[in-house]
Amino acid sequence: MKTRNLYAGDTQGSRSFTLDFSYPFVESAQDITWRLELLDARGNIVQRWQGIERLTDAPRKVNIDWAARSADPSLADGVYTVRMPGRGLRLCEEQGPGLPDGLRA
């Protein structure tokens, strides 16, 4: 089931996002890359954030601030979507050990 959370930002449309990462079965620290994309109503990427996080046995939070019209006054009124592309387990499995028992693509 796909759900959509609608959010009205402040008068300039700005808002914040929090990314929560955890890897409960990690045996040693793992570096992961992440990417977050903001899309307009046509599916065009308006802004992109990316980074690298080191995952250990403790959850990790990344805060993203989007300034919206404060940073780009030309942004049109409308609905914007946030997308976080990811990789499937199969790619992880091909890169080496590290998946918990019972998890296979």
Protein backbone atom coordinates (compact mmCIF):
# COMPACT_ATOMS: atom_id res chain seq x y z
CA MET A 1 0.00 0.00 0.00
CA LYS A 2 1.35 3.40 -0.98
CA THR A 3 0.61 6.32 1.30
CA ARG A 4 1.21 9.97 0.66
CA ASN A 5 1.73 12.51 3.41
CA LEU A 6 0.75 16.01 2.38
CA TYR A 7 2.48 18.84 4.14
CA ALA A 8 2.01 22.56 3.84
CA GLY A 9 5.32 24.33 4.46
CA ASP A 10 5.71 27.86 5.78
CA THR A 11 4.86 30.91 3.65
CA GLN A 12 7.93 30.31 1.48
CA GLY A 13 7.20 26.59 1.22
CA SER A 14 10.31 25.50 3.14
CA ARG A 15 10.38 22.39 5.26
CA SER A 16 12.69 19.83 6.82
CA PHE A 17 13.07 16.10 6.27
CA THR A 18 14.59 13.56 8.64
CA LEU A 19 16.18 10.40 7.29
CA ASP A 20 16.47 7.55 9.80
CA PHE A 21 19.00 4.81 9.09
CA SER A 22 19.53 1.62 11.05
CA TYR A 23 21.16 -1.71 10.38
CA PRO A 24 20.20 -3.94 13.31
CA PHE A 25 22.25 -6.97 12.23
CA VAL A 26 25.49 -5.16 11.44
CA GLU A 27 28.60 -6.98 12.66
CA SER A 28 31.02 -4.19 11.79
CA ALA A 29 30.58 -0.60 10.67
CA GLN A 30 29.25 -0.21 7.12
CA ASP A 31 29.37 2.91 4.95
CA ILE A 32 26.23 3.55 2.92
CA THR A 33 25.51 6.19 0.34
CA TRP A 34 22.12 7.87 0.18
CA ARG A 35 20.37 10.24 -2.19
CA LEU A 36 17.18 12.23 -1.75
CA GLU A 37 15.48 13.90 -4.73
CA LEU A 38 12.79 16.56 -4.78
CA LEU A 39 10.53 16.28 -7.86
CA ASP A 40 8.07 18.74 -9.35
CA ALA A 41 4.63 17.71 -10.63
CA ARG A 42 6.14 16.60 -13.97
CA GLY A 43 8.72 14.38 -12.31
CA ASN A 44 11.68 16.69 -12.95
CA ILE A 45 14.35 16.80 -10.25
CA VAL A 46 14.26 20.23 -8.61
CA GLN A 47 16.88 19.56 -5.95
CA ARG A 48 19.07 16.67 -4.86
CA TRP A 49 20.83 15.92 -1.59
CA GLN A 50 23.30 13.07 -1.08
CA GLY A 51 25.73 11.80 1.46
CA ILE A 52 27.59 8.93 3.06
CA GLU A 53 26.77 7.60 6.50
CA ARG A 54 28.61 5.06 8.62
CA LEU A 55 26.13 2.59 10.07
CA THR A 56 26.92 0.85 13.31
CA ASP A 57 24.63 -0.82 15.83
CA ALA A 58 23.14 2.59 16.73
CA PRO A 59 20.48 4.29 14.59
CA ARG A 60 21.63 7.33 12.62
CA LYS A 61 19.61 10.46 11.71
CA VAL A 62 20.25 12.92 8.89
CA ASN A 63 18.36 16.22 8.83
CA ILE A 64 17.69 17.85 5.46
CA ASP A 65 16.45 21.42 5.19
CA TRP A 66 14.77 22.58 2.00
CA ALA A 67 14.63 26.36 1.69
CA ALA A 68 12.11 26.27 -1.22
CA ARG A 69 11.29 29.77 -2.45
CA SER A 70 13.74 31.33 0.00
CA ALA A 71 16.51 29.79 -2.12
CA ASP A 72 14.69 29.77 -5.49
CA PRO A 73 11.92 32.37 -5.93
CA SER A 74 11.08 30.93 -9.38
CA LEU A 75 9.58 27.73 -7.91
CA ALA A 76 6.00 27.28 -9.08
CA ASP A 77 3.07 26.65 -6.77
CA GLY A 78 2.14 22.99 -6.73
CA VAL A 79 2.74 19.59 -5.24
CA TYR A 80 6.32 18.40 -4.87
CA THR A 81 7.34 14.81 -4.19
CA VAL A 82 10.39 13.50 -2.36
CA ARG A 83 12.00 10.30 -3.65
CA MET A 84 14.79 8.29 -2.07
CA PRO A 85 16.17 5.81 -4.61
CA GLY A 86 17.69 2.63 -3.18
CA ARG A 87 19.43 -0.57 -4.17
CA GLY A 88 17.98 -4.02 -3.80
CA LEU A 89 19.38 -6.76 -1.61
CA ARG A 90 20.71 -8.63 -4.64
CA LEU A 91 23.33 -5.94 -5.25
CA CYS A 92 24.40 -6.12 -1.62
CA GLU A 93 24.65 -9.90 -1.76
CA GLU A 94 26.82 -9.75 -4.88
CA GLN A 95 29.17 -7.30 -3.17
CA GLY A 96 29.98 -9.75 -0.42
CA PRO A 97 28.85 -11.20 2.90
CA GLY A 98 26.96 -9.24 5.46
CA LEU A 99 23.29 -10.09 5.03
CA PRO A 100 21.61 -11.68 8.04
CA ASP A 101 20.75 -15.39 7.76
CA GLY A 102 17.48 -15.92 5.94
CA LEU A 103 17.66 -12.70 3.92
CA ARG A 104 18.33 -13.37 0.27
CA ALA A 105 17.17 -11.48 -2.81
